[in-house]
Amino acid sequence: MIRKFTQLILLSCLFFIPLQSLHAQLSDTASWTATVQNDFRVISNITYLKANNMELKVDVYLPRKAEGPAPTFIYYHGGGWVGGSKEANILRLLPYLEQGWAAVNVQYRLGQVSLAPAAVEDSLCALRWVARNAEEYGFDTDRLVVSGNSAGGHLALTSGMLPSDTDLALQCPDTESPSVAAIVNWYGITDVVDLLDGANEKAYAVRWMGSQPNRREIADRVSPMKYVRADLPPIITIHGNADPTVPYAHAVQLHEALDEVEIRNQLITVPNGRHGGFPAEEMLRIYDGVFKFLDENLPN
């Protein structure tokens, strides 16, 4: 896995390689990419929900050679709930595709379309869409892993941690919420209230809440820390301890709270790491830890 993931890192950097060195760098990577094109079926822009007159889409990546239902990676992009796109995050799916997983890349309503808690509502509906369509697409509902970076990490946490009877899922066409097998949280926000004012105030969080009179109540309802309890799935968090965008303390607080209720969890700290953009050697260490965690905690 190390060798192949090194190729994936190389692939993600190809656009920045000078032309004169491209041929030399391409040989190792091209052998994998040439194969993977035939190993996966891609279905783009499937509508999973219509909200505020907006059709929300997912992109689905399916392994052609899967023997039975495939473990499925569900990804929510970052951008402070007010920016970003699923298309800009395709490379984040590659380590899971290389392992033969299915993947679902999720679009959700950004703040300029709908203020909080719309993004959380959409992420829950996307998760339910995956479960409802599991037979058609070959998703293994016993091995659903939700993940995301930054605001997407927050959405992965809320998708996997909110109780099944939450009223934040009332707009979903499906009434049943599937169980998540694990959560992979990349420097996600765990306490939204903390970001609305004071020392940790962040403009993106303020924009997402807008001027709603009950914004602190909404922020509390969508804060993962509010939902720490003893029946949660395993959670692994990756966070740089010099992150200027999402306080590292959010990861530490979640880790300590999960320990208190004896939920299997792990915090991978990136020394001097900022808001993503970690060096290649750190990414290799992180993914070794992530896949070891998943191997130990997902059902066979």
Protein backbone atom coordinates (compact mmCIF):
# COMPACT_ATOMS: atom_id res chain seq x y z
CA MET A 1 0.00 0.00 0.00
CA ILE A 2 2.89 2.40 0.77
CA ARG A 3 4.30 2.06 -2.74
CA LYS A 4 0.98 2.59 -4.46
CA PHE A 5 0.01 5.51 -2.26
CA THR A 6 3.38 7.11 -3.02
CA GLN A 7 2.32 6.90 -6.67
CA LEU A 8 -0.97 8.59 -5.77
CA ILE A 9 0.86 11.47 -4.14
CA LEU A 10 3.02 11.69 -7.24
CA LEU A 11 -0.08 11.69 -9.43
CA SER A 12 -1.61 14.57 -7.48
CA CYS A 13 1.53 16.61 -8.10
CA LEU A 14 1.90 15.92 -11.82
CA PHE A 15 0.44 19.23 -12.89
CA PHE A 16 3.26 21.01 -11.10
CA ILE A 17 6.14 19.05 -12.67
CA PRO A 18 8.19 20.91 -15.32
CA LEU A 19 7.59 19.54 -18.82
CA GLN A 20 11.17 18.40 -19.31
CA SER A 21 10.90 16.04 -16.31
CA LEU A 22 7.34 14.86 -16.94
CA HIS A 23 8.27 11.80 -19.00
CA ALA A 24 10.65 10.46 -16.36
CA GLN A 25 8.14 10.99 -13.55
CA LEU A 26 5.18 9.56 -15.42
CA SER A 27 6.34 5.99 -15.92
CA ASP A 28 5.61 4.59 -12.44
CA THR A 29 2.35 6.46 -12.04
CA ALA A 30 1.03 5.81 -15.53
CA SER A 31 1.05 2.06 -15.02
CA TRP A 32 -1.35 2.41 -12.09
CA THR A 33 -3.58 5.07 -13.65
CA ALA A 34 -3.87 3.14 -16.91
CA THR A 35 -5.14 0.15 -14.96
CA VAL A 36 -7.47 2.01 -12.61
CA GLN A 37 -9.36 3.60 -15.52
CA ASN A 38 -10.62 0.14 -16.42
CA ASP A 39 -11.20 -0.93 -12.84
CA PHE A 40 -13.82 1.69 -11.93
CA ARG A 41 -17.14 2.86 -13.25
CA VAL A 42 -17.93 6.54 -12.66
CA ILE A 43 -21.47 7.90 -12.52
CA SER A 44 -21.47 11.69 -12.17
CA ASN A 45 -24.03 14.12 -10.85
CA ILE A 46 -26.75 11.84 -9.56
CA THR A 47 -29.45 13.88 -7.84
CA TYR A 48 -29.95 12.75 -4.25
CA LEU A 49 -32.10 15.65 -2.99
CA LYS A 50 -33.86 18.79 -4.17
CA ALA A 51 -33.81 21.62 -1.65
CA ASN A 52 -34.47 25.34 -2.11
CA ASN A 53 -35.12 24.59 -5.79
CA MET A 54 -31.55 23.28 -6.07
CA GLU A 55 -30.75 19.76 -7.21
CA LEU A 56 -27.98 18.37 -5.02
CA LYS A 57 -25.67 15.83 -6.62
CA VAL A 58 -23.30 13.00 -5.80
CA ASP A 59 -20.60 11.41 -7.93
CA VAL A 60 -20.27 7.64 -7.52
CA TYR A 61 -17.14 5.56 -8.16
CA LEU A 62 -17.65 1.80 -8.31
CA PRO A 63 -15.03 -0.97 -8.49
CA ARG A 64 -15.80 -3.20 -11.46
CA LYS A 65 -14.15 -6.29 -9.97
CA ALA A 66 -15.74 -6.23 -6.54
CA GLU A 67 -16.91 -9.61 -5.31
CA GLY A 68 -20.04 -8.63 -3.46
CA PRO A 69 -20.86 -5.28 -1.81
CA ALA A 70 -17.85 -2.97 -1.48
CA PRO A 71 -16.82 -0.90 1.53
CA THR A 72 -17.93 2.62 0.73
CA PHE A 73 -16.20 5.94 1.37
CA ILE A 74 -18.55 8.95 1.60
CA TYR A 75 -16.77 12.29 1.30
CA TYR A 76 -17.85 15.85 2.20
CA HIS A 77 -15.65 18.67 0.93
CA GLY A 78 -14.32 21.57 2.97
CA GLY A 79 -14.62 25.32 2.49
CA GLY A 80 -16.07 26.65 5.73
CA TRP A 81 -19.61 25.64 4.67
CA VAL A 82 -19.53 28.68 2.34
CA GLY A 83 -17.10 27.58 -0.41
CA GLY A 84 -15.49 24.59 -2.11
CA SER A 85 -16.91 21.90 -4.37
CA LYS A 86 -16.97 18.15 -4.71
CA GLU A 87 -15.14 18.38 -8.03
CA ALA A 88 -12.13 20.04 -6.41
CA ASN A 89 -11.70 17.12 -4.01
CA ILE A 90 -11.62 14.10 -6.32
CA LEU A 91 -7.98 13.31 -5.49
CA ARG A 92 -8.96 12.74 -1.85
CA LEU A 93 -10.83 9.63 -2.98
CA LEU A 94 -7.79 7.99 -4.56
CA PRO A 95 -6.37 6.13 -1.53
CA TYR A 96 -9.72 4.38 -1.05
CA LEU A 97 -10.20 3.63 -4.73
CA GLU A 98 -6.73 2.08 -4.76
CA GLN A 99 -7.92 -0.23 -1.97
CA GLY A 100 -10.90 -1.35 -4.09
CA TRP A 101 -13.55 0.66 -2.24
CA ALA A 102 -16.58 2.37 -3.72
CA ALA A 103 -16.71 6.12 -3.17
CA VAL A 104 -19.43 8.76 -3.06
CA ASN A 105 -18.44 12.41 -3.43
CA VAL A 106 -21.12 14.73 -2.03
CA GLN A 107 -22.33 18.21 -2.95
CA TYR A 108 -24.29 20.18 -0.35
CA ARG A 109 -25.84 23.64 -0.05
CA LEU A 110 -23.30 26.35 0.70
CA GLY A 111 -23.98 29.37 2.86
CA GLN A 112 -24.82 31.70 -0.01
CA VAL A 113 -27.66 29.34 -0.98
CA SER A 114 -28.88 28.39 2.49
CA LEU A 115 -27.57 29.30 5.92
CA ALA A 116 -26.94 26.80 8.69
CA PRO A 117 -28.01 24.11 9.33
CA ALA A 118 -28.70 23.34 5.65
CA ALA A 119 -25.31 21.71 4.98
CA VAL A 120 -25.86 19.30 7.88
CA GLU A 121 -29.34 18.45 6.64
CA ASP A 122 -27.97 17.71 3.18
CA SER A 123 -25.12 15.54 4.46
CA LEU A 124 -27.59 13.42 6.40
CA CYS A 125 -29.78 13.02 3.31
CA ALA A 126 -26.77 12.01 1.22
CA LEU A 127 -25.91 9.31 3.75
CA ARG A 128 -29.48 8.01 3.64
CA TRP A 129 -29.40 8.07 -0.17
CA VAL A 130 -26.35 5.80 -0.08
CA ALA A 131 -28.16 3.31 2.13
CA ARG A 132 -31.34 3.41 0.04
CA ASN A 133 -29.41 2.76 -3.17
CA ALA A 134 -26.95 0.26 -1.74
CA GLU A 135 -28.28 -2.72 -3.68
CA GLU A 136 -28.27 -0.89 -7.01
CA TYR A 137 -24.70 0.37 -6.68
CA GLY A 138 -23.13 -2.38 -4.58
CA PHE A 139 -22.50 -0.35 -1.43
CA ASP A 140 -21.81 -2.39 1.70
CA THR A 141 -24.06 -0.83 4.34
CA ASP A 142 -22.08 -2.58 7.08
CA ARG A 143 -18.94 -0.76 5.95
CA LEU A 144 -19.93 2.85 5.34
CA VAL A 145 -17.16 5.29 6.23
CA VAL A 146 -17.87 9.02 6.27
CA SER A 147 -15.06 11.52 5.92
CA GLY A 148 -14.28 15.12 5.07
CA ASN A 149 -11.80 17.92 5.56
CA SER A 150 -12.37 21.07 7.63
CA ALA A 151 -16.09 21.93 7.33
CA GLY A 152 -16.40 18.57 5.56
CA GLY A 153 -14.83 16.92 8.59
CA HIS A 154 -17.53 18.58 10.68
CA LEU A 155 -20.21 17.23 8.30
CA ALA A 156 -18.71 13.75 8.47
CA LEU A 157 -18.82 13.93 12.27
CA THR A 158 -22.41 15.16 12.40
CA SER A 159 -23.50 12.59 9.80
CA GLY A 160 -22.05 9.79 11.88
CA MET A 161 -22.84 11.15 15.35
CA LEU A 162 -26.33 12.65 15.18
CA PRO A 163 -28.99 10.28 16.54
CA SER A 164 -31.23 8.58 13.99
CA ASP A 165 -34.30 10.50 15.20
CA THR A 166 -32.78 13.95 14.68
CA ASP A 167 -35.15 16.55 13.28
CA LEU A 168 -32.31 17.76 11.05
CA ALA A 169 -33.16 14.89 8.70
CA LEU A 170 -36.86 15.68 8.30
CA GLN A 171 -36.44 16.83 4.70
CA CYS A 172 -34.80 13.56 3.65
CA PRO A 173 -37.05 11.30 1.58
CA ASP A 174 -35.80 8.32 3.61
CA THR A 175 -36.99 7.77 7.15
CA GLU A 176 -34.22 5.41 8.26
CA SER A 177 -30.66 6.45 8.98
CA PRO A 178 -27.96 3.84 8.36
CA SER A 179 -25.30 3.06 10.91
CA VAL A 180 -21.88 4.44 10.05
CA ALA A 181 -19.02 1.98 10.53
CA ALA A 182 -16.34 4.63 11.11
CA ILE A 183 -15.60 8.35 10.75
CA VAL A 184 -12.36 9.77 9.32
CA ASN A 185 -12.21 13.40 10.41
CA TRP A 186 -9.63 15.67 8.79
CA TYR A 187 -9.25 18.77 11.00
CA GLY A 188 -13.00 19.21 11.32
CA ILE A 189 -14.83 21.70 13.52
CA THR A 190 -16.21 20.05 16.64
CA ASP A 191 -17.60 23.10 18.52
CA VAL A 192 -19.31 25.55 16.17
CA VAL A 193 -20.34 27.89 19.00
CA ASP A 194 -16.65 28.42 19.80
CA LEU A 195 -16.12 29.99 16.35
CA LEU A 196 -18.88 32.63 16.51
CA ASP A 197 -17.12 35.15 18.75
CA GLY A 198 -14.25 35.55 21.16
CA ALA A 199 -10.65 34.48 20.63
CA ASN A 200 -11.54 31.74 18.13
CA GLU A 201 -14.06 33.71 16.06
CA LYS A 202 -13.87 32.71 12.39
CA ALA A 203 -15.42 34.68 9.53
CA TYR A 204 -16.55 31.53 7.72
CA ALA A 205 -18.58 30.35 10.72
CA VAL A 206 -20.16 33.77 11.16
CA ARG A 207 -21.09 33.80 7.45
CA TRP A 208 -22.61 30.33 7.67
CA MET A 209 -24.84 31.34 10.59
CA GLY A 210 -25.65 34.77 9.17
CA SER A 211 -27.84 37.07 11.24
CA GLN A 212 -30.28 34.41 12.37
CA PRO A 213 -31.53 35.46 15.82
CA ASN A 214 -31.07 31.94 17.20
CA ARG A 215 -27.64 31.40 15.65
CA ARG A 216 -26.04 30.21 18.88
CA GLU A 217 -28.80 27.64 19.36
CA ILE A 218 -28.30 26.42 15.78
CA ALA A 219 -24.53 26.30 16.27
CA ASP A 220 -25.00 24.19 19.39
CA ARG A 221 -27.37 21.80 17.55
CA VAL A 222 -24.76 21.14 14.85
CA SER A 223 -21.73 20.82 17.13
CA PRO A 224 -20.35 17.26 17.25
CA MET A 225 -19.27 17.75 20.88
CA LYS A 226 -22.96 17.86 21.82
CA TYR A 227 -23.46 14.28 20.60
CA VAL A 228 -20.62 12.44 22.30
CA ARG A 229 -22.09 9.30 23.85
CA ALA A 230 -21.37 5.61 24.35
CA ASP A 231 -22.92 4.19 21.14
CA LEU A 232 -20.90 6.08 18.52
CA PRO A 233 -18.85 4.49 15.72
CA PRO A 234 -15.04 4.50 15.86
CA ILE A 235 -13.57 7.91 15.00
CA ILE A 236 -10.07 8.82 13.80
CA THR A 237 -9.05 12.48 13.63
CA ILE A 238 -6.13 14.08 11.80
CA HIS A 239 -5.19 17.61 12.82
CA GLY A 240 -2.14 19.88 12.67
CA ASN A 241 -1.21 21.42 16.00
CA ALA A 242 -0.49 24.80 14.33
CA ASP A 243 -3.78 25.01 12.42
CA PRO A 244 -4.82 28.70 12.10
CA THR A 245 -8.24 27.95 10.61
CA VAL A 246 -9.74 25.28 12.88
CA PRO A 247 -8.27 25.28 16.39
CA TYR A 248 -6.29 22.14 17.23
CA ALA A 249 -8.06 22.23 20.59
CA HIS A 250 -11.22 21.06 18.82
CA ALA A 251 -9.52 17.76 17.97
CA VAL A 252 -8.09 17.35 21.46
CA GLN A 253 -11.43 18.02 23.14
CA LEU A 254 -13.21 15.50 20.95
CA HIS A 255 -10.51 12.89 21.54
CA GLU A 256 -10.67 13.35 25.32
CA ALA A 257 -14.48 13.28 25.37
CA LEU A 258 -14.57 10.08 23.30
CA ASP A 259 -12.05 8.48 25.63
CA GLU A 260 -14.29 9.31 28.59
CA VAL A 261 -17.21 7.37 27.10
CA GLU A 262 -14.88 4.59 25.88
CA ILE A 263 -15.46 5.07 22.17
CA ARG A 264 -12.66 3.65 20.03
CA ASN A 265 -10.85 6.65 18.62
CA GLN A 266 -7.46 7.98 17.64
CA LEU A 267 -5.96 11.43 17.21
CA ILE A 268 -3.12 11.72 14.69
CA THR A 269 -1.33 14.99 15.37
CA VAL A 270 0.75 16.59 12.61
CA PRO A 271 3.62 18.47 14.31
CA ASN A 272 3.66 22.10 13.16
CA GLY A 273 0.91 21.15 10.72
CA ARG A 274 -1.35 23.90 9.53
CA HIS A 275 -4.73 23.59 7.79
CA GLY A 276 -3.96 20.66 5.51
CA GLY A 277 -1.24 20.79 2.90
CA PHE A 278 0.81 18.32 4.93
CA PRO A 279 4.16 17.08 3.57
CA ALA A 280 4.22 13.81 1.63
CA GLU A 281 6.00 11.92 4.40
CA GLU A 282 3.32 13.01 6.86
CA MET A 283 0.58 11.94 4.46
CA LEU A 284 2.14 8.49 4.19
CA ARG A 285 2.23 8.23 7.99
CA ILE A 286 -1.34 9.46 8.26
CA TYR A 287 -2.75 7.02 5.70
CA ASP A 288 -0.87 4.14 7.27
CA GLY A 289 -2.62 5.07 10.52
CA VAL A 290 -6.01 5.58 8.89
CA PHE A 291 -6.08 2.23 7.09
CA LYS A 292 -4.73 0.40 10.13
CA PHE A 293 -7.52 1.98 12.20
CA LEU A 294 -10.14 0.98 9.63
CA ASP A 295 -8.76 -2.56 9.30
CA GLU A 296 -9.01 -2.97 13.07
CA ASN A 297 -12.48 -1.48 13.43
CA LEU A 298 -14.51 -2.33 10.32
CA PRO A 299 -16.39 -5.63 10.10
CA ASN A 300 -14.82 -8.21 7.76
